[in-house]
Amino acid sequence: MIMRPKNRSSNCTSCAFTLLEVILSMAILAMLAASVYAITSSSISAARTAMDQQLVLRRLDAFLRVTRDALLNLPGQGTVSLEIGKGKGGEAEPRLILGKVQGLFGMPSLGGASLMLAAKARSDGTRTICMVRIPTRLSDREMEAALNAPGVPLLPKVRKPHWSFFQGSEWKEEWPNGSPRPQLVRLQLEIDEVPDPIEAIFYVPPVAAPQAAPPGTQTPQATASPTPPPGS
């Protein structure tokens, strides 16, 4: 009996992949890799955005907390005023000035100097609220240098900062130097990472009036002791 050899070429052809099947497989793998990359990239971007927003909220909370503590602990001789100055670029710069202060913003010894919260302009169009110490008894040139000092940055990337003051029954936009203490101080601003505008209201304790003596009482006066006669 004679055995005929099998047709190996036909079997190999039926078992191998065609060029079209390889191309389709590679296309499917590329699409899967692209979708996985897009999902991973969006997840990383969302996590980074959330972290940035949390950092901004922490900075905002810390700034509002120290500002509230500073106004609550304003000494009896301390004053509050608002000045609209000019920054280095000539732009209007709102400046909240706390005068004759001591032990505010973590600075135990200020020697009756003033502290200024200035909204200094940035190159990207936003502002940074900075704390600047203004010593007493400065010349005009020294005062100008102190007002334009960079200070300590407290809250960056702020837009449209606006201070207002409540006295009596209305809010006032201006509060020049020499004005009495306001009852409330309001700060309104915007931050890019926070969707809604921010409004913070701070309470300012009034100056305690001196207590009057009860009626019918006399203020004791110092009397000179009688001089003994000579020879006594």
C-alpha atoms as a PDB file:
ATOM      1  CA  MET A   1       0.000   0.000   0.000  1.00  0.00           C
ATOM      2  CA  ILE A   2       1.392   3.343  -1.075  1.00  0.00           C
ATOM      3  CA  MET A   3       0.866   6.337   1.337  1.00  0.00           C
ATOM      4  CA  ARG A   4       0.460   9.722  -0.327  1.00  0.00           C
ATOM      5  CA  PRO A   5       2.093  12.679   1.379  1.00  0.00           C
ATOM      6  CA  LYS A   6      -0.240  15.238   2.908  1.00  0.00           C
ATOM      7  CA  ASN A   7      -0.592  18.724   1.463  1.00  0.00           C
ATOM      8  CA  ARG A   8       1.455  20.719   4.006  1.00  0.00           C
ATOM      9  CA  SER A   9       1.143  24.004   2.152  1.00  0.00           C
ATOM     10  CA  SER A  10      -2.641  24.057   2.458  1.00  0.00           C
ATOM     11  CA  ASN A  11      -2.500  23.295   6.226  1.00  0.00           C
ATOM     12  CA  CYS A  12       0.090  26.023   6.929  1.00  0.00           C
ATOM     13  CA  THR A  13      -1.938  28.554   4.968  1.00  0.00           C
ATOM     14  CA  SER A  14      -5.075  27.833   6.997  1.00  0.00           C
ATOM     15  CA  CYS A  15      -3.183  28.134  10.357  1.00  0.00           C
ATOM     16  CA  ALA A  16      -1.269  31.403   9.714  1.00  0.00           C
ATOM     17  CA  PHE A  17      -2.539  35.000  10.209  1.00  0.00           C
ATOM     18  CA  THR A  18      -3.112  37.112   7.205  1.00  0.00           C
ATOM     19  CA  LEU A  19      -1.679  40.622   6.902  1.00  0.00           C
ATOM     20  CA  LEU A  20      -5.128  42.165   7.315  1.00  0.00           C
ATOM     21  CA  GLU A  21      -5.713  40.315  10.591  1.00  0.00           C
ATOM     22  CA  VAL A  22      -2.347  41.536  11.961  1.00  0.00           C
ATOM     23  CA  ILE A  23      -3.129  45.125  11.024  1.00  0.00           C
ATOM     24  CA  LEU A  24      -6.571  44.915  12.654  1.00  0.00           C
ATOM     25  CA  SER A  25      -5.064  43.460  15.833  1.00  0.00           C
ATOM     26  CA  MET A  26      -2.483  46.219  16.021  1.00  0.00           C
ATOM     27  CA  ALA A  27      -5.187  48.854  15.483  1.00  0.00           C
ATOM     28  CA  ILE A  28      -7.296  47.401  18.296  1.00  0.00           C
ATOM     29  CA  LEU A  29      -4.284  47.343  20.629  1.00  0.00           C
ATOM     30  CA  ALA A  30      -3.486  50.962  19.737  1.00  0.00           C
ATOM     31  CA  MET A  31      -7.059  52.017  20.475  1.00  0.00           C
ATOM     32  CA  LEU A  32      -7.000  50.209  23.830  1.00  0.00           C
ATOM     33  CA  ALA A  33      -3.664  51.812  24.754  1.00  0.00           C
ATOM     34  CA  ALA A  34      -4.957  55.259  23.782  1.00  0.00           C
ATOM     35  CA  SER A  35      -8.097  54.830  25.869  1.00  0.00           C
ATOM     36  CA  VAL A  36      -6.099  53.645  28.899  1.00  0.00           C
ATOM     37  CA  TYR A  37      -3.715  56.607  28.523  1.00  0.00           C
ATOM     38  CA  ALA A  38      -6.623  59.053  28.265  1.00  0.00           C
ATOM     39  CA  ILE A  39      -8.294  57.637  31.388  1.00  0.00           C
ATOM     40  CA  THR A  40      -5.036  57.694  33.352  1.00  0.00           C
ATOM     41  CA  SER A  41      -4.180  61.207  32.215  1.00  0.00           C
ATOM     42  CA  SER A  42      -7.631  62.549  33.127  1.00  0.00           C
ATOM     43  CA  SER A  43      -7.436  60.881  36.532  1.00  0.00           C
ATOM     44  CA  ILE A  44      -4.021  62.420  37.242  1.00  0.00           C
ATOM     45  CA  SER A  45      -5.225  65.820  36.052  1.00  0.00           C
ATOM     46  CA  ALA A  46      -8.339  65.633  38.241  1.00  0.00           C
ATOM     47  CA  ALA A  47      -6.274  64.612  41.260  1.00  0.00           C
ATOM     48  CA  ARG A  48      -3.805  67.448  40.633  1.00  0.00           C
ATOM     49  CA  THR A  49      -6.651  69.967  40.299  1.00  0.00           C
ATOM     50  CA  ALA A  50      -8.210  68.739  43.533  1.00  0.00           C
ATOM     51  CA  MET A  51      -4.882  69.022  45.355  1.00  0.00           C
ATOM     52  CA  ASP A  52      -4.323  72.544  44.031  1.00  0.00           C
ATOM     53  CA  GLN A  53      -7.816  73.579  45.110  1.00  0.00           C
ATOM     54  CA  GLN A  54      -7.294  72.100  48.579  1.00  0.00           C
ATOM     55  CA  LEU A  55      -4.023  74.015  48.896  1.00  0.00           C
ATOM     56  CA  VAL A  56      -5.745  77.264  47.907  1.00  0.00           C
ATOM     57  CA  LEU A  57      -8.550  76.650  50.407  1.00  0.00           C
ATOM     58  CA  ARG A  58      -6.022  75.975  53.169  1.00  0.00           C
ATOM     59  CA  ARG A  59      -4.166  79.190  52.386  1.00  0.00           C
ATOM     60  CA  LEU A  60      -7.439  81.112  52.332  1.00  0.00           C
ATOM     61  CA  ASP A  61      -8.553  79.613  55.645  1.00  0.00           C
ATOM     62  CA  ALA A  62      -5.210  80.437  57.282  1.00  0.00           C
ATOM     63  CA  PHE A  63      -5.281  84.021  55.977  1.00  0.00           C
ATOM     64  CA  LEU A  64      -8.844  84.613  57.166  1.00  0.00           C
ATOM     65  CA  ARG A  65      -8.042  83.098  60.549  1.00  0.00           C
ATOM     66  CA  VAL A  66      -4.977  85.259  61.241  1.00  0.00           C
ATOM     67  CA  THR A  67      -6.781  88.390  59.980  1.00  0.00           C
ATOM     68  CA  ARG A  68      -9.740  87.677  62.243  1.00  0.00           C
ATOM     69  CA  ASP A  69      -7.436  87.132  65.222  1.00  0.00           C
ATOM     70  CA  ALA A  70      -5.545  90.347  64.450  1.00  0.00           C
ATOM     71  CA  LEU A  71      -8.707  92.457  64.426  1.00  0.00           C
ATOM     72  CA  LEU A  72     -10.104  90.752  67.522  1.00  0.00           C
ATOM     73  CA  ASN A  73      -6.854  91.374  69.431  1.00  0.00           C
ATOM     74  CA  LEU A  74      -6.482  94.976  68.311  1.00  0.00           C
ATOM     75  CA  PRO A  75      -5.176  96.907  71.349  1.00  0.00           C
ATOM     76  CA  GLY A  76      -7.036  99.803  72.907  1.00  0.00           C
ATOM     77  CA  GLN A  77      -4.935 102.411  71.115  1.00  0.00           C
ATOM     78  CA  GLY A  78      -5.022 100.545  67.804  1.00  0.00           C
ATOM     79  CA  THR A  79      -6.579 102.149  64.740  1.00  0.00           C
ATOM     80  CA  VAL A  80      -8.055 100.900  61.456  1.00  0.00           C
ATOM     81  CA  SER A  81      -7.863 102.807  58.168  1.00  0.00           C
ATOM     82  CA  LEU A  82      -7.960 102.219  54.421  1.00  0.00           C
ATOM     83  CA  GLU A  83      -5.611 103.806  51.917  1.00  0.00           C
ATOM     84  CA  ILE A  84      -5.603 103.482  48.137  1.00  0.00           C
ATOM     85  CA  GLY A  85      -1.978 103.819  47.097  1.00  0.00           C
ATOM     86  CA  LYS A  86      -0.048 103.220  43.906  1.00  0.00           C
ATOM     87  CA  GLY A  87       2.062 100.137  43.375  1.00  0.00           C
ATOM     88  CA  LYS A  88       5.266  99.874  41.374  1.00  0.00           C
ATOM     89  CA  GLY A  89       3.327  99.536  38.126  1.00  0.00           C
ATOM     90  CA  GLY A  90       1.146 102.572  38.876  1.00  0.00           C
ATOM     91  CA  GLU A  91      -1.933 100.458  39.563  1.00  0.00           C
ATOM     92  CA  ALA A  92      -4.272 101.257  42.454  1.00  0.00           C
ATOM     93  CA  GLU A  93      -3.309  99.250  45.523  1.00  0.00           C
ATOM     94  CA  PRO A  94      -5.817  98.829  48.389  1.00  0.00           C
ATOM     95  CA  ARG A  95      -4.054  98.980  51.762  1.00  0.00           C
ATOM     96  CA  LEU A  96      -5.689  98.120  55.077  1.00  0.00           C
ATOM     97  CA  ILE A  97      -3.573  99.731  57.803  1.00  0.00           C
ATOM     98  CA  LEU A  98      -3.692  98.703  61.460  1.00  0.00           C
ATOM     99  CA  GLY A  99      -1.969 101.454  63.421  1.00  0.00           C
ATOM    100  CA  LYS A 100      -0.367 101.446  66.880  1.00  0.00           C
ATOM    101  CA  VAL A 101      -0.480  97.681  67.135  1.00  0.00           C
ATOM    102  CA  GLN A 102       1.482  95.136  69.106  1.00  0.00           C
ATOM    103  CA  GLY A 103       1.592  91.346  69.081  1.00  0.00           C
ATOM    104  CA  LEU A 104      -0.433  90.814  65.877  1.00  0.00           C
ATOM    105  CA  PHE A 105       0.174  88.311  63.058  1.00  0.00           C
ATOM    106  CA  GLY A 106       2.639  86.424  65.240  1.00  0.00           C
ATOM    107  CA  MET A 107       4.903  89.446  65.750  1.00  0.00           C
ATOM    108  CA  PRO A 108       5.215  89.886  69.533  1.00  0.00           C
ATOM    109  CA  SER A 109       7.066  93.199  69.554  1.00  0.00           C
ATOM    110  CA  LEU A 110       6.088  95.933  67.117  1.00  0.00           C
ATOM    111  CA  GLY A 111       6.908  98.982  69.230  1.00  0.00           C
ATOM    112  CA  GLY A 112       3.733 100.835  68.292  1.00  0.00           C
ATOM    113  CA  ALA A 113       4.395 100.430  64.569  1.00  0.00           C
ATOM    114  CA  SER A 114       1.728  99.846  61.919  1.00  0.00           C
ATOM    115  CA  LEU A 115       0.885  96.740  59.935  1.00  0.00           C
ATOM    116  CA  MET A 116      -0.392  97.011  56.394  1.00  0.00           C
ATOM    117  CA  LEU A 117      -2.273  94.422  54.330  1.00  0.00           C
ATOM    118  CA  ALA A 118      -1.570  95.475  50.757  1.00  0.00           C
ATOM    119  CA  ALA A 119      -2.965  93.825  47.606  1.00  0.00           C
ATOM    120  CA  LYS A 120       0.157  93.962  45.440  1.00  0.00           C
ATOM    121  CA  ALA A 121      -0.176  93.359  41.703  1.00  0.00           C
ATOM    122  CA  ARG A 122       1.390  90.319  39.995  1.00  0.00           C
ATOM    123  CA  SER A 123       2.583  89.854  36.437  1.00  0.00           C
ATOM    124  CA  ASP A 124      -0.265  87.429  35.627  1.00  0.00           C
ATOM    125  CA  GLY A 125      -2.982  90.003  36.408  1.00  0.00           C
ATOM    126  CA  THR A 126      -3.789  88.695  39.875  1.00  0.00           C
ATOM    127  CA  ARG A 127      -2.767  90.147  43.242  1.00  0.00           C
ATOM    128  CA  THR A 128      -1.051  88.897  46.369  1.00  0.00           C
ATOM    129  CA  ILE A 129      -2.176  90.163  49.769  1.00  0.00           C
ATOM    130  CA  CYS A 130       1.057  90.883  51.641  1.00  0.00           C
ATOM    131  CA  MET A 131       1.773  91.985  55.197  1.00  0.00           C
ATOM    132  CA  VAL A 132       4.133  94.941  55.494  1.00  0.00           C
ATOM    133  CA  ARG A 133       5.495  96.405  58.730  1.00  0.00           C
ATOM    134  CA  ILE A 134       5.698 100.192  58.802  1.00  0.00           C
ATOM    135  CA  PRO A 135       7.931 101.543  61.589  1.00  0.00           C
ATOM    136  CA  THR A 136       7.264 104.839  63.319  1.00  0.00           C
ATOM    137  CA  ARG A 137       9.022 108.160  62.714  1.00  0.00           C
ATOM    138  CA  LEU A 138       9.974 107.673  59.090  1.00  0.00           C
ATOM    139  CA  SER A 139      10.940 110.338  56.614  1.00  0.00           C
ATOM    140  CA  ASP A 140       8.967 110.747  53.390  1.00  0.00           C
ATOM    141  CA  ARG A 141      11.499 108.728  51.402  1.00  0.00           C
ATOM    142  CA  GLU A 142      11.635 105.974  54.028  1.00  0.00           C
ATOM    143  CA  MET A 143       7.835 105.872  54.191  1.00  0.00           C
ATOM    144  CA  GLU A 144       7.593 105.473  50.417  1.00  0.00           C
ATOM    145  CA  ALA A 145      10.163 102.677  50.513  1.00  0.00           C
ATOM    146  CA  ALA A 146       8.279 100.945  53.343  1.00  0.00           C
ATOM    147  CA  LEU A 147       4.948 101.172  51.498  1.00  0.00           C
ATOM    148  CA  ASN A 148       6.461  99.682  48.337  1.00  0.00           C
ATOM    149  CA  ALA A 149       8.304  96.895  50.167  1.00  0.00           C
ATOM    150  CA  PRO A 150       7.354  93.359  49.039  1.00  0.00           C
ATOM    151  CA  GLY A 151       6.432  92.289  52.559  1.00  0.00           C
ATOM    152  CA  VAL A 152       5.383  88.807  53.599  1.00  0.00           C
ATOM    153  CA  PRO A 153       3.006  87.111  51.104  1.00  0.00           C
ATOM    154  CA  LEU A 154      -0.111  85.791  52.813  1.00  0.00           C
ATOM    155  CA  LEU A 155      -2.615  85.028  50.047  1.00  0.00           C
ATOM    156  CA  PRO A 156      -1.572  84.811  46.358  1.00  0.00           C
ATOM    157  CA  LYS A 157      -3.593  84.823  43.120  1.00  0.00           C
ATOM    158  CA  VAL A 158      -6.385  87.077  44.356  1.00  0.00           C
ATOM    159  CA  ARG A 159      -8.663  89.081  42.079  1.00  0.00           C
ATOM    160  CA  LYS A 160     -10.762  92.167  42.852  1.00  0.00           C
ATOM    161  CA  PRO A 161      -9.938  92.540  46.578  1.00  0.00           C
ATOM    162  CA  HIS A 162     -12.269  95.076  48.174  1.00  0.00           C
ATOM    163  CA  TRP A 163     -12.455  96.314  51.786  1.00  0.00           C
ATOM    164  CA  SER A 164     -15.534  97.961  53.297  1.00  0.00           C
ATOM    165  CA  PHE A 165     -16.493  99.060  56.810  1.00  0.00           C
ATOM    166  CA  PHE A 166     -19.714  98.987  58.829  1.00  0.00           C
ATOM    167  CA  GLN A 167     -20.543 101.804  61.209  1.00  0.00           C
ATOM    168  CA  GLY A 168     -23.953 102.699  62.590  1.00  0.00           C
ATOM    169  CA  SER A 169     -26.317 101.129  60.082  1.00  0.00           C
ATOM    170  CA  GLU A 170     -24.494 101.149  56.739  1.00  0.00           C
ATOM    171  CA  TRP A 171     -21.426  99.893  54.938  1.00  0.00           C
ATOM    172  CA  LYS A 172     -18.892 102.507  53.873  1.00  0.00           C
ATOM    173  CA  GLU A 173     -16.365 102.189  51.074  1.00  0.00           C
ATOM    174  CA  GLU A 174     -13.889 104.713  52.480  1.00  0.00           C
ATOM    175  CA  TRP A 175     -12.261 104.738  55.898  1.00  0.00           C
ATOM    176  CA  PRO A 176      -9.514 107.368  56.029  1.00  0.00           C
ATOM    177  CA  ASN A 177      -6.888 107.725  58.716  1.00  0.00           C
ATOM    178  CA  GLY A 178      -8.279 109.292  61.880  1.00  0.00           C
ATOM    179  CA  SER A 179     -11.688 107.649  61.598  1.00  0.00           C
ATOM    180  CA  PRO A 180     -13.114 105.897  64.658  1.00  0.00           C
ATOM    181  CA  ARG A 181     -13.032 102.150  64.883  1.00  0.00           C
ATOM    182  CA  PRO A 182     -15.554 100.421  62.636  1.00  0.00           C
ATOM    183  CA  GLN A 183     -17.860  97.842  64.076  1.00  0.00           C
ATOM    184  CA  LEU A 184     -17.220  95.374  61.252  1.00  0.00           C
ATOM    185  CA  VAL A 185     -14.671  95.013  58.467  1.00  0.00           C
ATOM    186  CA  ARG A 186     -15.609  93.182  55.271  1.00  0.00           C
ATOM    187  CA  LEU A 187     -13.290  91.705  52.658  1.00  0.00           C
ATOM    188  CA  GLN A 188     -14.578  90.622  49.246  1.00  0.00           C
ATOM    189  CA  LEU A 189     -12.371  88.899  46.686  1.00  0.00           C
ATOM    190  CA  GLU A 190     -12.184  86.251  43.990  1.00  0.00           C
ATOM    191  CA  ILE A 191      -9.767  83.355  43.483  1.00  0.00           C
ATOM    192  CA  ASP A 192      -9.462  81.425  40.218  1.00  0.00           C
ATOM    193  CA  GLU A 193      -9.483  77.998  41.869  1.00  0.00           C
ATOM    194  CA  VAL A 194     -12.631  78.817  43.892  1.00  0.00           C
ATOM    195  CA  PRO A 195     -15.801  79.005  41.752  1.00  0.00           C
ATOM    196  CA  ASP A 196     -17.794  81.402  43.963  1.00  0.00           C
ATOM    197  CA  PRO A 197     -16.821  84.900  45.178  1.00  0.00           C
ATOM    198  CA  ILE A 198     -15.550  85.035  48.752  1.00  0.00           C
ATOM    199  CA  GLU A 199     -16.884  87.376  51.417  1.00  0.00           C
ATOM    200  CA  ALA A 200     -15.476  87.497  54.949  1.00  0.00           C
ATOM    201  CA  ILE A 201     -16.732  89.752  57.754  1.00  0.00           C
ATOM    202  CA  PHE A 202     -14.519  90.481  60.758  1.00  0.00           C
ATOM    203  CA  TYR A 203     -15.651  91.864  64.101  1.00  0.00           C
ATOM    204  CA  VAL A 204     -13.686  94.732  65.642  1.00  0.00           C
ATOM    205  CA  PRO A 205     -14.060  95.087  69.429  1.00  0.00           C
ATOM    206  CA  PRO A 206     -14.939  98.636  70.512  1.00  0.00           C
ATOM    207  CA  VAL A 207     -12.656 100.738  72.675  1.00  0.00           C
ATOM    208  CA  ALA A 208     -13.709 100.429  76.323  1.00  0.00           C
ATOM    209  CA  ALA A 209     -14.836 103.781  77.687  1.00  0.00           C
ATOM    210  CA  PRO A 210     -13.338 104.843  81.040  1.00  0.00           C
ATOM    211  CA  GLN A 211     -15.605 103.977  83.953  1.00  0.00           C
ATOM    212  CA  ALA A 212     -17.164 106.979  85.709  1.00  0.00           C
ATOM    213  CA  ALA A 213     -16.966 107.257  89.481  1.00  0.00           C
ATOM    214  CA  PRO A 214     -20.210 106.482  91.364  1.00  0.00           C
ATOM    215  CA  PRO A 215     -22.253 109.581  92.322  1.00  0.00           C
ATOM    216  CA  GLY A 216     -21.543 110.994  95.741  1.00  0.00           C
ATOM    217  CA  THR A 217     -17.935 109.848  95.841  1.00  0.00           C
ATOM    218  CA  GLN A 218     -14.986 112.196  95.874  1.00  0.00           C
ATOM    219  CA  THR A 219     -11.687 111.632  94.255  1.00  0.00           C
ATOM    220  CA  PRO A 220      -9.031 111.355  96.935  1.00  0.00           C
ATOM    221  CA  GLN A 221      -6.426 114.092  96.763  1.00  0.00           C
ATOM    222  CA  ALA A 222      -2.941 114.020  98.074  1.00  0.00           C
ATOM    223  CA  THR A 223      -2.438 116.298 101.081  1.00  0.00           C
ATOM    224  CA  ALA A 224       0.868 117.667 102.174  1.00  0.00           C
ATOM    225  CA  SER A 225       1.992 116.645 105.634  1.00  0.00           C
ATOM    226  CA  PRO A 226       2.283 119.568 108.069  1.00  0.00           C
ATOM    227  CA  THR A 227       5.740 120.882 108.539  1.00  0.00           C
ATOM    228  CA  PRO A 228       6.830 120.538 112.153  1.00  0.00           C
ATOM    229  CA  PRO A 229       7.687 123.826 113.865  1.00  0.00           C
ATOM    230  CA  PRO A 230      11.338 124.524 114.304  1.00  0.00           C
ATOM    231  CA  GLY A 231      12.809 123.220 117.462  1.00  0.00           C
ATOM    232  CA  SER A 232      10.284 120.432 117.856  1.00  0.00           C
END
